Amino acid sequence: MLIKPIVDIRNPRHMLEDEDVEDAKPHPIPIISIDLTIDTIDNMIIIPKTLSILQDQLPDMKPIGSVKIDYPELYQPLTTEESIEKEEEEYDEDVQLYNAIAAQRLKTRYPVTGIPILANGTTISLTIPHFVNTITYNILARALVKKFKPNQTWIVLSPCSMNNNQSINRLVIGQGVEQIYLPPLVESIPILKPPHTITGISAAIISQLNIMNESRVVGLVLNSEGQPGFEKSDNDAIIDACFVIGNILNIDDKEYMTRVSSSVRKFNGYSNSGMYI
């Protein structure tokens, strides 16, 4: 009896599609344009999308401009020569379908994004969405730091998975530079220490400010859990941050905190502890 070995490799039952390594290209560089209708800025608030509730409940915020993030190199029209060559090519349905899918993938991965700029008097606030293209955070941070020069304070919020049994910490930069005066409440917040880290737009903004030796920064780090860009912040941390922001901006912190607390309990429930698998 002769047993013939099986040399054919059976096809896997499940296949995950991914971009071909050979066709992989560098991330496109976004173009940032900022449209603003006011000149005087006292306080600048930067909030990641996961903490947008803190901006949504700020009183009397009105749109005064926008930030546009575009990828023009991805959508450049064909030249006359390229159009002629494309018309002369033999029509292939599979190729056309592949090109259409690839184009749609690019639009999904690198969409044209508009971010509204809101203001109450001389206080400006921006909520920055999550970007798949992480290069966008650095390019956007450079543009914002170059454009906005508040007279008083940068307030930058960031989620962080903290294991120090504290709901909120303060990130200090500009060591050796004359520090700004902070309200006693802000000074009493514990300082964030290693090995804790922050990511996303908050890290990019603070890095740019640190390069410029800018000490007028209040970095509020909220205890959170989850994957970077999709963190879920602790309810108590959100309430504490709300109280601190109200104290810095000299607004009616009781009304602001009541509105934020109501929204937090509505969307997050009374406990937001969860399991990530």
C-alpha atoms as a PDB file:
ATOM      1  CA  MET A   1       0.000   0.000   0.000  1.00  0.00           C
ATOM      2  CA  LEU A   2       1.425   3.348  -1.091  1.00  0.00           C
ATOM      3  CA  ILE A   3       0.478   6.440   0.833  1.00  0.00           C
ATOM      4  CA  LYS A   4       0.932   9.596  -1.182  1.00  0.00           C
ATOM      5  CA  PRO A   5       1.775  12.651   0.929  1.00  0.00           C
ATOM      6  CA  ILE A   6      -0.433  15.671   0.549  1.00  0.00           C
ATOM      7  CA  VAL A   7       1.577  18.505  -0.910  1.00  0.00           C
ATOM      8  CA  ASP A   8      -1.246  20.913  -1.681  1.00  0.00           C
ATOM      9  CA  ILE A   9      -1.817  23.573   0.947  1.00  0.00           C
ATOM     10  CA  ARG A  10      -5.470  23.925   1.794  1.00  0.00           C
ATOM     11  CA  ASN A  11      -6.897  27.389   1.486  1.00  0.00           C
ATOM     12  CA  PRO A  12      -7.617  29.046   4.829  1.00  0.00           C
ATOM     13  CA  ARG A  13     -11.282  29.304   5.767  1.00  0.00           C
ATOM     14  CA  HIS A  14     -10.981  32.961   6.722  1.00  0.00           C
ATOM     15  CA  MET A  15      -8.823  35.608   5.103  1.00  0.00           C
ATOM     16  CA  LEU A  16      -8.310  39.177   6.235  1.00  0.00           C
ATOM     17  CA  GLU A  17      -7.756  41.646   3.458  1.00  0.00           C
ATOM     18  CA  ASP A  18      -5.033  44.202   3.951  1.00  0.00           C
ATOM     19  CA  GLU A  19      -3.066  46.594   1.831  1.00  0.00           C
ATOM     20  CA  ASP A  20      -0.305  44.935  -0.172  1.00  0.00           C
ATOM     21  CA  VAL A  21       3.124  45.640   1.238  1.00  0.00           C
ATOM     22  CA  GLU A  22       4.474  46.152  -2.277  1.00  0.00           C
ATOM     23  CA  ASP A  23       1.824  48.769  -3.010  1.00  0.00           C
ATOM     24  CA  ALA A  24       2.182  50.485   0.360  1.00  0.00           C
ATOM     25  CA  LYS A  25       2.854  54.190   0.066  1.00  0.00           C
ATOM     26  CA  PRO A  26       3.883  56.789   2.646  1.00  0.00           C
ATOM     27  CA  HIS A  27       1.060  58.574   4.423  1.00  0.00           C
ATOM     28  CA  PRO A  28       0.015  61.721   2.539  1.00  0.00           C
ATOM     29  CA  ILE A  29       0.814  65.043   4.171  1.00  0.00           C
ATOM     30  CA  PRO A  30      -2.355  66.985   5.031  1.00  0.00           C
ATOM     31  CA  ILE A  31      -2.829  70.669   4.254  1.00  0.00           C
ATOM     32  CA  ILE A  32      -4.216  72.675   7.185  1.00  0.00           C
ATOM     33  CA  SER A  33      -6.199  75.871   6.619  1.00  0.00           C
ATOM     34  CA  ILE A  34      -7.609  77.962   9.463  1.00  0.00           C
ATOM     35  CA  ASP A  35     -10.394  80.506   9.046  1.00  0.00           C
ATOM     36  CA  LEU A  36     -10.878  82.808  12.044  1.00  0.00           C
ATOM     37  CA  THR A  37     -13.002  85.917  12.543  1.00  0.00           C
ATOM     38  CA  ILE A  38     -11.522  87.266  15.811  1.00  0.00           C
ATOM     39  CA  ASP A  39      -8.040  88.428  16.767  1.00  0.00           C
ATOM     40  CA  THR A  40      -8.000  88.656  20.583  1.00  0.00           C
ATOM     41  CA  ILE A  41      -7.693  85.326  22.382  1.00  0.00           C
ATOM     42  CA  ASP A  42      -7.210  84.915  26.124  1.00  0.00           C
ATOM     43  CA  ASN A  43      -7.739  81.180  26.644  1.00  0.00           C
ATOM     44  CA  MET A  44      -7.399  78.293  24.201  1.00  0.00           C
ATOM     45  CA  ILE A  45      -9.000  74.920  24.997  1.00  0.00           C
ATOM     46  CA  ILE A  46      -7.982  71.763  23.118  1.00  0.00           C
ATOM     47  CA  ILE A  47     -10.239  68.742  23.692  1.00  0.00           C
ATOM     48  CA  PRO A  48     -10.012  65.276  22.078  1.00  0.00           C
ATOM     49  CA  LYS A  49     -13.233  63.853  20.650  1.00  0.00           C
ATOM     50  CA  THR A  50     -13.636  61.370  23.500  1.00  0.00           C
ATOM     51  CA  LEU A  51     -14.038  64.306  25.921  1.00  0.00           C
ATOM     52  CA  SER A  52     -16.242  66.446  23.676  1.00  0.00           C
ATOM     53  CA  ILE A  53     -18.907  66.599  26.382  1.00  0.00           C
ATOM     54  CA  LEU A  54     -16.774  69.193  28.185  1.00  0.00           C
ATOM     55  CA  GLN A  55     -17.016  71.537  25.193  1.00  0.00           C
ATOM     56  CA  ASP A  56     -20.637  70.745  24.363  1.00  0.00           C
ATOM     57  CA  GLN A  57     -21.793  71.986  27.768  1.00  0.00           C
ATOM     58  CA  LEU A  58     -19.732  75.188  27.885  1.00  0.00           C
ATOM     59  CA  PRO A  59     -22.182  78.114  28.054  1.00  0.00           C
ATOM     60  CA  ASP A  60     -22.786  80.519  25.160  1.00  0.00           C
ATOM     61  CA  MET A  61     -20.286  78.994  22.744  1.00  0.00           C
ATOM     62  CA  LYS A  62     -20.692  80.296  19.185  1.00  0.00           C
ATOM     63  CA  PRO A  63     -18.897  79.378  15.936  1.00  0.00           C
ATOM     64  CA  ILE A  64     -16.270  81.928  14.912  1.00  0.00           C
ATOM     65  CA  GLY A  65     -14.324  79.967  12.326  1.00  0.00           C
ATOM     66  CA  SER A  66     -13.169  76.543  11.234  1.00  0.00           C
ATOM     67  CA  VAL A  67     -10.135  74.353  10.667  1.00  0.00           C
ATOM     68  CA  LYS A  68     -10.004  72.384   7.412  1.00  0.00           C
ATOM     69  CA  ILE A  69      -7.819  69.316   6.939  1.00  0.00           C
ATOM     70  CA  ASP A  70      -7.411  68.352   3.295  1.00  0.00           C
ATOM     71  CA  TYR A  71      -5.334  65.895   1.264  1.00  0.00           C
ATOM     72  CA  PRO A  72      -5.149  67.575  -2.165  1.00  0.00           C
ATOM     73  CA  GLU A  73      -2.486  65.220  -3.514  1.00  0.00           C
ATOM     74  CA  LEU A  74      -4.958  62.326  -3.295  1.00  0.00           C
ATOM     75  CA  TYR A  75      -7.602  64.052  -5.379  1.00  0.00           C
ATOM     76  CA  GLN A  76      -5.565  65.786  -8.068  1.00  0.00           C
ATOM     77  CA  PRO A  77      -7.326  65.723 -11.476  1.00  0.00           C
ATOM     78  CA  LEU A  78      -5.673  63.860 -14.337  1.00  0.00           C
ATOM     79  CA  THR A  79      -3.623  65.832 -16.824  1.00  0.00           C
ATOM     80  CA  THR A  80      -4.532  65.777 -20.539  1.00  0.00           C
ATOM     81  CA  GLU A  81      -1.799  63.235 -21.344  1.00  0.00           C
ATOM     82  CA  GLU A  82      -2.870  60.973 -18.473  1.00  0.00           C
ATOM     83  CA  SER A  83      -6.497  61.166 -19.601  1.00  0.00           C
ATOM     84  CA  ILE A  84      -5.555  60.178 -23.182  1.00  0.00           C
ATOM     85  CA  GLU A  85      -3.445  57.261 -21.945  1.00  0.00           C
ATOM     86  CA  LYS A  86      -6.284  56.112 -19.718  1.00  0.00           C
ATOM     87  CA  GLU A  87      -8.757  56.204 -22.612  1.00  0.00           C
ATOM     88  CA  GLU A  88      -6.385  54.218 -24.844  1.00  0.00           C
ATOM     89  CA  GLU A  89      -5.960  51.485 -22.245  1.00  0.00           C
ATOM     90  CA  GLU A  90      -7.976  48.331 -22.798  1.00  0.00           C
ATOM     91  CA  TYR A  91     -11.032  48.280 -20.573  1.00  0.00           C
ATOM     92  CA  ASP A  92     -10.747  45.676 -17.832  1.00  0.00           C
ATOM     93  CA  GLU A  93     -13.711  45.308 -15.500  1.00  0.00           C
ATOM     94  CA  ASP A  94     -11.635  43.782 -12.695  1.00  0.00           C
ATOM     95  CA  VAL A  95      -9.086  46.587 -12.870  1.00  0.00           C
ATOM     96  CA  GLN A  96     -11.816  49.223 -12.855  1.00  0.00           C
ATOM     97  CA  LEU A  97     -13.453  47.608  -9.837  1.00  0.00           C
ATOM     98  CA  TYR A  98     -10.123  47.421  -8.014  1.00  0.00           C
ATOM     99  CA  ASN A  99      -9.389  51.087  -8.755  1.00  0.00           C
ATOM    100  CA  ALA A 100     -12.837  52.130  -7.533  1.00  0.00           C
ATOM    101  CA  ILE A 101     -12.401  50.202  -4.286  1.00  0.00           C
ATOM    102  CA  ALA A 102      -8.908  51.644  -3.785  1.00  0.00           C
ATOM    103  CA  ALA A 103     -10.192  55.188  -4.367  1.00  0.00           C
ATOM    104  CA  GLN A 104     -13.032  54.677  -1.888  1.00  0.00           C
ATOM    105  CA  ARG A 105     -10.571  53.279   0.648  1.00  0.00           C
ATOM    106  CA  LEU A 106      -8.434  56.398   0.330  1.00  0.00           C
ATOM    107  CA  LYS A 107     -11.441  58.673   0.845  1.00  0.00           C
ATOM    108  CA  THR A 108     -12.397  56.713   3.958  1.00  0.00           C
ATOM    109  CA  ARG A 109      -8.882  56.627   5.385  1.00  0.00           C
ATOM    110  CA  TYR A 110      -8.015  60.240   4.562  1.00  0.00           C
ATOM    111  CA  PRO A 111     -11.274  62.215   4.526  1.00  0.00           C
ATOM    112  CA  VAL A 112     -11.523  65.968   4.145  1.00  0.00           C
ATOM    113  CA  THR A 113     -12.323  67.096   7.686  1.00  0.00           C
ATOM    114  CA  GLY A 114     -13.774  70.341   8.985  1.00  0.00           C
ATOM    115  CA  ILE A 115     -13.434  71.272  12.665  1.00  0.00           C
ATOM    116  CA  PRO A 116     -15.599  74.139  13.966  1.00  0.00           C
ATOM    117  CA  ILE A 117     -13.929  76.757  16.158  1.00  0.00           C
ATOM    118  CA  LEU A 118     -16.208  77.825  19.002  1.00  0.00           C
ATOM    119  CA  ALA A 119     -15.795  80.832  21.262  1.00  0.00           C
ATOM    120  CA  ASN A 120     -17.342  82.606  24.213  1.00  0.00           C
ATOM    121  CA  GLY A 121     -15.869  86.076  24.333  1.00  0.00           C
ATOM    122  CA  THR A 122     -12.104  85.631  24.200  1.00  0.00           C
ATOM    123  CA  THR A 123     -12.136  81.928  25.110  1.00  0.00           C
ATOM    124  CA  ILE A 124     -11.767  79.566  22.139  1.00  0.00           C
ATOM    125  CA  SER A 125     -12.411  75.838  22.137  1.00  0.00           C
ATOM    126  CA  LEU A 126     -11.679  73.080  19.610  1.00  0.00           C
ATOM    127  CA  THR A 127     -12.723  69.429  19.735  1.00  0.00           C
ATOM    128  CA  ILE A 128     -10.305  67.376  17.638  1.00  0.00           C
ATOM    129  CA  PRO A 129     -11.525  64.081  16.096  1.00  0.00           C
ATOM    130  CA  HIS A 130      -9.563  60.844  15.933  1.00  0.00           C
ATOM    131  CA  PHE A 131      -7.305  60.488  12.878  1.00  0.00           C
ATOM    132  CA  VAL A 132      -6.158  57.177  11.434  1.00  0.00           C
ATOM    133  CA  ASN A 133      -3.236  59.019   9.875  1.00  0.00           C
ATOM    134  CA  THR A 134      -1.230  59.871  12.994  1.00  0.00           C
ATOM    135  CA  ILE A 135       0.942  62.319  11.049  1.00  0.00           C
ATOM    136  CA  THR A 136      -2.088  64.606  10.984  1.00  0.00           C
ATOM    137  CA  TYR A 137      -1.821  65.244  14.729  1.00  0.00           C
ATOM    138  CA  ASN A 138       1.673  66.739  14.453  1.00  0.00           C
ATOM    139  CA  ILE A 139       0.895  68.793  11.346  1.00  0.00           C
ATOM    140  CA  LEU A 140      -2.318  70.096  12.927  1.00  0.00           C
ATOM    141  CA  ALA A 141      -0.591  70.876  16.241  1.00  0.00           C
ATOM    142  CA  ARG A 142       2.091  72.949  14.485  1.00  0.00           C
ATOM    143  CA  ALA A 143      -0.556  74.910  12.598  1.00  0.00           C
ATOM    144  CA  LEU A 144      -2.633  75.577  15.731  1.00  0.00           C
ATOM    145  CA  VAL A 145       0.335  76.638  17.869  1.00  0.00           C
ATOM    146  CA  LYS A 146       1.540  78.935  15.088  1.00  0.00           C
ATOM    147  CA  LYS A 147      -1.901  80.478  14.512  1.00  0.00           C
ATOM    148  CA  PHE A 148      -3.258  80.832  18.040  1.00  0.00           C
ATOM    149  CA  LYS A 149      -1.326  82.832  20.597  1.00  0.00           C
ATOM    150  CA  PRO A 150      -3.555  83.249  23.647  1.00  0.00           C
ATOM    151  CA  ASN A 151      -2.743  86.013  26.094  1.00  0.00           C
ATOM    152  CA  GLN A 152      -3.286  83.830  29.155  1.00  0.00           C
ATOM    153  CA  THR A 153      -3.556  80.042  29.047  1.00  0.00           C
ATOM    154  CA  TRP A 154      -3.571  76.942  26.873  1.00  0.00           C
ATOM    155  CA  ILE A 155      -5.897  74.362  28.430  1.00  0.00           C
ATOM    156  CA  VAL A 156      -5.175  70.917  26.983  1.00  0.00           C
ATOM    157  CA  LEU A 157      -7.185  67.878  28.051  1.00  0.00           C
ATOM    158  CA  SER A 158      -6.107  64.290  27.553  1.00  0.00           C
ATOM    159  CA  PRO A 159      -7.280  60.804  28.566  1.00  0.00           C
ATOM    160  CA  CYS A 160      -4.789  58.455  30.192  1.00  0.00           C
ATOM    161  CA  SER A 161      -4.905  55.044  31.826  1.00  0.00           C
ATOM    162  CA  MET A 162      -3.710  55.974  35.317  1.00  0.00           C
ATOM    163  CA  ASN A 163      -2.995  53.460  38.059  1.00  0.00           C
ATOM    164  CA  ASN A 164      -2.425  55.913  40.901  1.00  0.00           C
ATOM    165  CA  ASN A 165      -5.986  55.885  42.298  1.00  0.00           C
ATOM    166  CA  GLN A 166      -6.496  59.496  41.197  1.00  0.00           C
ATOM    167  CA  SER A 167      -9.171  60.820  38.862  1.00  0.00           C
ATOM    168  CA  ILE A 168      -7.238  63.735  37.392  1.00  0.00           C
ATOM    169  CA  ASN A 169      -3.609  64.836  37.186  1.00  0.00           C
ATOM    170  CA  ARG A 170      -1.768  67.881  35.886  1.00  0.00           C
ATOM    171  CA  LEU A 171       0.954  67.669  33.245  1.00  0.00           C
ATOM    172  CA  VAL A 172       3.687  70.261  33.759  1.00  0.00           C
ATOM    173  CA  ILE A 173       5.969  71.431  30.925  1.00  0.00           C
ATOM    174  CA  GLY A 174       8.420  74.275  30.471  1.00  0.00           C
ATOM    175  CA  GLN A 175      10.735  73.329  33.312  1.00  0.00           C
ATOM    176  CA  GLY A 176      13.107  76.189  34.018  1.00  0.00           C
ATOM    177  CA  VAL A 177      10.772  78.714  32.389  1.00  0.00           C
ATOM    178  CA  GLU A 178       8.912  81.248  34.480  1.00  0.00           C
ATOM    179  CA  GLN A 179       5.564  79.675  35.273  1.00  0.00           C
ATOM    180  CA  ILE A 180       2.212  81.422  35.015  1.00  0.00           C
ATOM    181  CA  TYR A 181      -0.002  82.073  37.985  1.00  0.00           C
ATOM    182  CA  LEU A 182      -2.545  79.309  38.469  1.00  0.00           C
ATOM    183  CA  PRO A 183      -5.576  79.325  40.757  1.00  0.00           C
ATOM    184  CA  PRO A 184      -5.023  77.448  44.044  1.00  0.00           C
ATOM    185  CA  LEU A 185      -7.428  74.738  42.873  1.00  0.00           C
ATOM    186  CA  VAL A 186      -5.258  74.003  39.836  1.00  0.00           C
ATOM    187  CA  GLU A 187      -2.042  74.094  41.881  1.00  0.00           C
ATOM    188  CA  SER A 188      -3.510  71.473  44.216  1.00  0.00           C
ATOM    189  CA  ILE A 189      -3.964  68.911  41.406  1.00  0.00           C
ATOM    190  CA  PRO A 190      -1.326  66.136  41.625  1.00  0.00           C
ATOM    191  CA  ILE A 191       1.346  66.231  38.912  1.00  0.00           C
ATOM    192  CA  LEU A 192       1.396  63.362  36.416  1.00  0.00           C
ATOM    193  CA  LYS A 193       4.493  61.205  36.829  1.00  0.00           C
ATOM    194  CA  PRO A 194       6.137  58.424  34.786  1.00  0.00           C
ATOM    195  CA  PRO A 195       5.419  55.878  33.455  1.00  0.00           C
ATOM    196  CA  HIS A 196       2.088  57.454  32.463  1.00  0.00           C
ATOM    197  CA  THR A 197       1.841  58.724  28.885  1.00  0.00           C
ATOM    198  CA  ILE A 198      -0.582  60.633  26.689  1.00  0.00           C
ATOM    199  CA  THR A 199      -1.143  60.360  22.938  1.00  0.00           C
ATOM    200  CA  GLY A 200      -3.036  61.985  20.077  1.00  0.00           C
ATOM    201  CA  ILE A 201      -3.660  65.685  19.610  1.00  0.00           C
ATOM    202  CA  SER A 202      -3.025  66.472  23.284  1.00  0.00           C
ATOM    203  CA  ALA A 203       0.493  65.033  23.166  1.00  0.00           C
ATOM    204  CA  ALA A 204       1.189  66.780  19.848  1.00  0.00           C
ATOM    205  CA  ILE A 205       0.038  70.194  21.125  1.00  0.00           C
ATOM    206  CA  ILE A 206       1.959  69.927  24.394  1.00  0.00           C
ATOM    207  CA  SER A 207       5.092  68.780  22.550  1.00  0.00           C
ATOM    208  CA  GLN A 208       4.934  71.795  20.236  1.00  0.00           C
ATOM    209  CA  LEU A 209       4.400  74.163  23.169  1.00  0.00           C
ATOM    210  CA  ASN A 210       7.291  72.565  25.034  1.00  0.00           C
ATOM    211  CA  ILE A 211       9.586  73.078  22.022  1.00  0.00           C
ATOM    212  CA  MET A 212       8.664  76.771  22.084  1.00  0.00           C
ATOM    213  CA  ASN A 213       9.364  76.998  25.848  1.00  0.00           C
ATOM    214  CA  GLU A 214       5.748  77.962  26.353  1.00  0.00           C
ATOM    215  CA  SER A 215       4.856  77.634  30.033  1.00  0.00           C
ATOM    216  CA  ARG A 216       1.333  79.037  29.883  1.00  0.00           C
ATOM    217  CA  VAL A 217      -0.154  75.563  29.697  1.00  0.00           C
ATOM    218  CA  VAL A 218      -2.570  73.686  31.918  1.00  0.00           C
ATOM    219  CA  GLY A 219      -2.475  70.036  30.895  1.00  0.00           C
ATOM    220  CA  LEU A 220      -5.349  68.141  32.501  1.00  0.00           C
ATOM    221  CA  VAL A 221      -5.014  64.357  32.299  1.00  0.00           C
ATOM    222  CA  LEU A 222      -8.170  62.356  33.010  1.00  0.00           C
ATOM    223  CA  ASN A 223      -8.232  58.765  34.207  1.00  0.00           C
ATOM    224  CA  SER A 224      -9.562  56.659  31.321  1.00  0.00           C
ATOM    225  CA  GLU A 225      -9.522  53.170  29.869  1.00  0.00           C
ATOM    226  CA  GLY A 226      -9.572  51.789  26.358  1.00  0.00           C
ATOM    227  CA  GLN A 227      -7.584  51.868  23.147  1.00  0.00           C
ATOM    228  CA  PRO A 228      -5.820  55.132  22.173  1.00  0.00           C
ATOM    229  CA  GLY A 229      -8.255  57.366  20.345  1.00  0.00           C
ATOM    230  CA  PHE A 230     -11.297  55.542  21.746  1.00  0.00           C
ATOM    231  CA  GLU A 231     -10.823  55.922  25.495  1.00  0.00           C
ATOM    232  CA  LYS A 232     -13.721  56.078  27.905  1.00  0.00           C
ATOM    233  CA  SER A 233     -13.005  58.500  30.724  1.00  0.00           C
ATOM    234  CA  ASP A 234     -14.020  57.980  34.310  1.00  0.00           C
ATOM    235  CA  ASN A 235     -17.172  59.839  35.342  1.00  0.00           C
ATOM    236  CA  ASP A 236     -15.497  61.397  38.376  1.00  0.00           C
ATOM    237  CA  ALA A 237     -12.570  62.535  36.222  1.00  0.00           C
ATOM    238  CA  ILE A 238     -14.918  64.323  33.813  1.00  0.00           C
ATOM    239  CA  ILE A 239     -16.701  66.088  36.679  1.00  0.00           C
ATOM    240  CA  ASP A 240     -13.392  67.112  38.264  1.00  0.00           C
ATOM    241  CA  ALA A 241     -12.109  68.452  34.933  1.00  0.00           C
ATOM    242  CA  CYS A 242     -15.344  70.388  34.502  1.00  0.00           C
ATOM    243  CA  PHE A 243     -14.868  72.023  37.898  1.00  0.00           C
ATOM    244  CA  VAL A 244     -11.249  72.953  37.092  1.00  0.00           C
ATOM    245  CA  ILE A 245     -12.133  74.442  33.686  1.00  0.00           C
ATOM    246  CA  GLY A 246     -14.905  76.518  35.251  1.00  0.00           C
ATOM    247  CA  ASN A 247     -12.469  77.767  37.880  1.00  0.00           C
ATOM    248  CA  ILE A 248      -9.831  78.783  35.305  1.00  0.00           C
ATOM    249  CA  LEU A 249     -12.310  80.517  32.995  1.00  0.00           C
ATOM    250  CA  ASN A 250     -14.224  82.215  35.827  1.00  0.00           C
ATOM    251  CA  ILE A 251     -17.577  80.954  34.593  1.00  0.00           C
ATOM    252  CA  ASP A 252     -20.556  79.751  36.617  1.00  0.00           C
ATOM    253  CA  ASP A 253     -18.979  76.422  37.503  1.00  0.00           C
ATOM    254  CA  LYS A 254     -22.077  75.188  39.356  1.00  0.00           C
ATOM    255  CA  GLU A 255     -24.313  75.488  36.297  1.00  0.00           C
ATOM    256  CA  TYR A 256     -21.595  74.114  34.032  1.00  0.00           C
ATOM    257  CA  MET A 257     -20.932  71.178  36.348  1.00  0.00           C
ATOM    258  CA  THR A 258     -24.655  70.420  36.642  1.00  0.00           C
ATOM    259  CA  ARG A 259     -25.023  70.256  32.863  1.00  0.00           C
ATOM    260  CA  VAL A 260     -21.931  68.101  32.430  1.00  0.00           C
ATOM    261  CA  SER A 261     -22.944  65.806  35.283  1.00  0.00           C
ATOM    262  CA  SER A 262     -26.403  65.336  33.798  1.00  0.00           C
ATOM    263  CA  SER A 263     -24.949  64.448  30.405  1.00  0.00           C
ATOM    264  CA  VAL A 264     -22.358  62.097  31.898  1.00  0.00           C
ATOM    265  CA  ARG A 265     -24.974  60.168  33.867  1.00  0.00           C
ATOM    266  CA  LYS A 266     -27.195  60.023  30.803  1.00  0.00           C
ATOM    267  CA  PHE A 267     -24.639  58.681  28.342  1.00  0.00           C
ATOM    268  CA  ASN A 268     -22.130  56.890  30.589  1.00  0.00           C
ATOM    269  CA  GLY A 269     -24.417  55.690  33.350  1.00  0.00           C
ATOM    270  CA  TYR A 270     -23.577  55.873  37.040  1.00  0.00           C
ATOM    271  CA  SER A 271     -20.613  53.590  36.538  1.00  0.00           C
ATOM    272  CA  ASN A 272     -18.529  53.333  33.410  1.00  0.00           C
ATOM    273  CA  SER A 273     -16.242  50.506  34.433  1.00  0.00           C
ATOM    274  CA  GLY A 274     -16.119  47.913  31.694  1.00  0.00           C
ATOM    275  CA  MET A 275     -14.266  45.015  30.177  1.00  0.00           C
ATOM    276  CA  TYR A 276     -12.211  45.259  26.991  1.00  0.00           C
ATOM    277  CA  ILE A 277     -11.587  41.990  25.167  1.00  0.00           C
END
